[in-house]
Amino acid sequence: MNKGEFIDRLADKSNLTKKEARKLLDGVLDLIQSTLLEGEEVKLVGFGKFAVRARKASSRINPQTKRPIQVEAKVVPLFKPGKELKRRIEKALKVAPKGVARK
């Protein structure tokens, strides 16, 4: 599902116009982003947690050249699903032996 399809479904589900649904979604995403940029977490009970994590600098091997390379330290966004979201997904989708989700 892309952003446009998400907005269409949000508008249908919440009895909003598409314009209102787009404004609502953009507002929520902007709020999550600005909170993360301040270094804070966003916890939505039952859904999950958005956070930022620092990764240390490390040495890796370039698979093409087989030479070592240095990867700089960086900060990355993180989403950790909540227990309720995980439970509902596991219940709704059966996982095939090779990790492919099936209904």
C-alpha atoms as a PDB file:
ATOM      1  CA  MET A   1       0.000   0.000   0.000  1.00  0.00           C
ATOM      2  CA  ASN A   2       1.421   3.394  -0.905  1.00  0.00           C
ATOM      3  CA  LYS A   3       0.665   6.757   0.715  1.00  0.00           C
ATOM      4  CA  GLY A   4      -2.161   7.601  -1.698  1.00  0.00           C
ATOM      5  CA  GLU A   5      -3.905   4.278  -1.088  1.00  0.00           C
ATOM      6  CA  PHE A   6      -3.422   4.730   2.657  1.00  0.00           C
ATOM      7  CA  ILE A   7      -5.063   8.166   2.482  1.00  0.00           C
ATOM      8  CA  ASP A   8      -7.986   6.728   0.497  1.00  0.00           C
ATOM      9  CA  ARG A   9      -8.569   4.014   3.112  1.00  0.00           C
ATOM     10  CA  LEU A  10      -8.146   6.458   5.989  1.00  0.00           C
ATOM     11  CA  ALA A  11     -10.724   8.791   4.430  1.00  0.00           C
ATOM     12  CA  ASP A  12     -13.198   5.923   3.969  1.00  0.00           C
ATOM     13  CA  LYS A  13     -12.675   4.507   7.446  1.00  0.00           C
ATOM     14  CA  SER A  14     -12.878   7.836   9.294  1.00  0.00           C
ATOM     15  CA  ASN A  15     -15.550   9.599   7.211  1.00  0.00           C
ATOM     16  CA  LEU A  16     -13.122  12.348   6.248  1.00  0.00           C
ATOM     17  CA  THR A  17     -12.529  13.876   2.857  1.00  0.00           C
ATOM     18  CA  LYS A  18      -9.327  12.817   1.109  1.00  0.00           C
ATOM     19  CA  LYS A  19      -7.965  16.321   1.661  1.00  0.00           C
ATOM     20  CA  GLU A  20      -8.661  16.095   5.413  1.00  0.00           C
ATOM     21  CA  ALA A  21      -7.212  12.572   5.587  1.00  0.00           C
ATOM     22  CA  ARG A  22      -4.031  13.702   3.803  1.00  0.00           C
ATOM     23  CA  LYS A  23      -3.699  16.653   6.203  1.00  0.00           C
ATOM     24  CA  LEU A  24      -4.218  14.342   9.199  1.00  0.00           C
ATOM     25  CA  LEU A  25      -1.663  11.783   7.995  1.00  0.00           C
ATOM     26  CA  ASP A  26       0.897  14.468   7.132  1.00  0.00           C
ATOM     27  CA  GLY A  27       0.408  15.992  10.587  1.00  0.00           C
ATOM     28  CA  VAL A  28       0.932  12.653  12.343  1.00  0.00           C
ATOM     29  CA  LEU A  29       4.037  11.848  10.277  1.00  0.00           C
ATOM     30  CA  ASP A  30       5.467  15.334  10.841  1.00  0.00           C
ATOM     31  CA  LEU A  31       4.887  15.017  14.592  1.00  0.00           C
ATOM     32  CA  ILE A  32       6.616  11.617  14.731  1.00  0.00           C
ATOM     33  CA  GLN A  33       9.527  12.931  12.661  1.00  0.00           C
ATOM     34  CA  SER A  34      10.006  16.109  14.715  1.00  0.00           C
ATOM     35  CA  THR A  35       9.856  14.112  17.961  1.00  0.00           C
ATOM     36  CA  LEU A  36      12.546  11.723  16.682  1.00  0.00           C
ATOM     37  CA  LEU A  37      14.690  14.658  15.544  1.00  0.00           C
ATOM     38  CA  GLU A  38      14.584  15.934  19.145  1.00  0.00           C
ATOM     39  CA  GLY A  39      15.942  12.554  20.276  1.00  0.00           C
ATOM     40  CA  GLU A  40      12.703  11.457  21.937  1.00  0.00           C
ATOM     41  CA  GLU A  41      10.733   8.237  21.459  1.00  0.00           C
ATOM     42  CA  VAL A  42       7.143   7.926  20.269  1.00  0.00           C
ATOM     43  CA  LYS A  43       5.320   5.086  22.043  1.00  0.00           C
ATOM     44  CA  LEU A  44       1.905   4.029  20.753  1.00  0.00           C
ATOM     45  CA  VAL A  45       0.668   1.378  23.188  1.00  0.00           C
ATOM     46  CA  GLY A  46      -0.399  -1.773  21.355  1.00  0.00           C
ATOM     47  CA  PHE A  47       1.090  -0.584  18.066  1.00  0.00           C
ATOM     48  CA  GLY A  48       4.785   0.035  18.631  1.00  0.00           C
ATOM     49  CA  LYS A  49       7.631   2.393  19.389  1.00  0.00           C
ATOM     50  CA  PHE A  50       9.534   4.755  17.110  1.00  0.00           C
ATOM     51  CA  ALA A  51      13.023   5.697  18.304  1.00  0.00           C
ATOM     52  CA  VAL A  52      16.507   6.629  17.138  1.00  0.00           C
ATOM     53  CA  ARG A  53      19.591   4.566  17.900  1.00  0.00           C
ATOM     54  CA  ALA A  54      23.288   5.317  17.559  1.00  0.00           C
ATOM     55  CA  ARG A  55      25.415   2.778  15.705  1.00  0.00           C
ATOM     56  CA  LYS A  56      29.134   2.587  16.395  1.00  0.00           C
ATOM     57  CA  ALA A  57      31.766   2.854  13.693  1.00  0.00           C
ATOM     58  CA  SER A  58      32.863  -0.569  12.475  1.00  0.00           C
ATOM     59  CA  SER A  59      35.093  -2.403  10.016  1.00  0.00           C
ATOM     60  CA  ARG A  60      33.446  -4.439   7.266  1.00  0.00           C
ATOM     61  CA  ILE A  61      34.572  -6.357   4.207  1.00  0.00           C
ATOM     62  CA  ASN A  62      33.538  -5.079   0.788  1.00  0.00           C
ATOM     63  CA  PRO A  63      32.015  -8.202  -0.853  1.00  0.00           C
ATOM     64  CA  GLN A  64      33.096  -7.140  -4.347  1.00  0.00           C
ATOM     65  CA  THR A  65      36.728  -6.268  -3.648  1.00  0.00           C
ATOM     66  CA  LYS A  66      37.212  -8.348  -0.459  1.00  0.00           C
ATOM     67  CA  ARG A  67      38.992  -5.332   1.044  1.00  0.00           C
ATOM     68  CA  PRO A  68      38.242  -3.970   4.511  1.00  0.00           C
ATOM     69  CA  ILE A  69      36.314  -0.708   4.702  1.00  0.00           C
ATOM     70  CA  GLN A  70      35.436   1.569   7.600  1.00  0.00           C
ATOM     71  CA  VAL A  71      31.761   2.312   8.236  1.00  0.00           C
ATOM     72  CA  GLU A  72      31.233   5.577  10.092  1.00  0.00           C
ATOM     73  CA  ALA A  73      29.149   5.890  13.238  1.00  0.00           C
ATOM     74  CA  LYS A  74      25.614   7.035  12.535  1.00  0.00           C
ATOM     75  CA  VAL A  75      22.170   7.498  14.033  1.00  0.00           C
ATOM     76  CA  VAL A  76      19.317   5.493  12.499  1.00  0.00           C
ATOM     77  CA  PRO A  77      15.531   5.455  12.987  1.00  0.00           C
ATOM     78  CA  LEU A  78      14.023   2.360  14.560  1.00  0.00           C
ATOM     79  CA  PHE A  79      10.520   0.904  14.778  1.00  0.00           C
ATOM     80  CA  LYS A  80       9.785  -1.825  17.292  1.00  0.00           C
ATOM     81  CA  PRO A  81       6.304  -3.368  16.975  1.00  0.00           C
ATOM     82  CA  GLY A  82       4.202  -3.707  20.126  1.00  0.00           C
ATOM     83  CA  LYS A  83       2.977  -7.006  21.557  1.00  0.00           C
ATOM     84  CA  GLU A  84      -0.603  -6.514  20.346  1.00  0.00           C
ATOM     85  CA  LEU A  85       0.509  -5.725  16.769  1.00  0.00           C
ATOM     86  CA  LYS A  86       2.815  -8.765  16.722  1.00  0.00           C
ATOM     87  CA  ARG A  87       0.078 -11.011  18.107  1.00  0.00           C
ATOM     88  CA  ARG A  88      -2.474  -9.853  15.539  1.00  0.00           C
ATOM     89  CA  ILE A  89      -0.040 -10.290  12.641  1.00  0.00           C
ATOM     90  CA  GLU A  90       0.975 -13.767  13.784  1.00  0.00           C
ATOM     91  CA  LYS A  91      -2.684 -14.728  14.118  1.00  0.00           C
ATOM     92  CA  ALA A  92      -3.692 -13.308  10.723  1.00  0.00           C
ATOM     93  CA  LEU A  93      -0.726 -14.495   8.669  1.00  0.00           C
ATOM     94  CA  LYS A  94       0.668 -17.988   8.705  1.00  0.00           C
ATOM     95  CA  VAL A  95       4.410 -18.049   8.061  1.00  0.00           C
ATOM     96  CA  ALA A  96       5.609 -20.553   5.472  1.00  0.00           C
ATOM     97  CA  PRO A  97       8.756 -22.614   6.225  1.00  0.00           C
ATOM     98  CA  LYS A  98      11.053 -20.345   4.170  1.00  0.00           C
ATOM     99  CA  GLY A  99       9.808 -17.157   5.925  1.00  0.00           C
ATOM    100  CA  VAL A 100       7.253 -16.209   3.264  1.00  0.00           C
ATOM    101  CA  ALA A 101       4.032 -14.901   4.784  1.00  0.00           C
ATOM    102  CA  ARG A 102       0.844 -16.558   3.536  1.00  0.00           C
ATOM    103  CA  LYS A 103      -2.812 -16.128   4.375  1.00  0.00           C
END
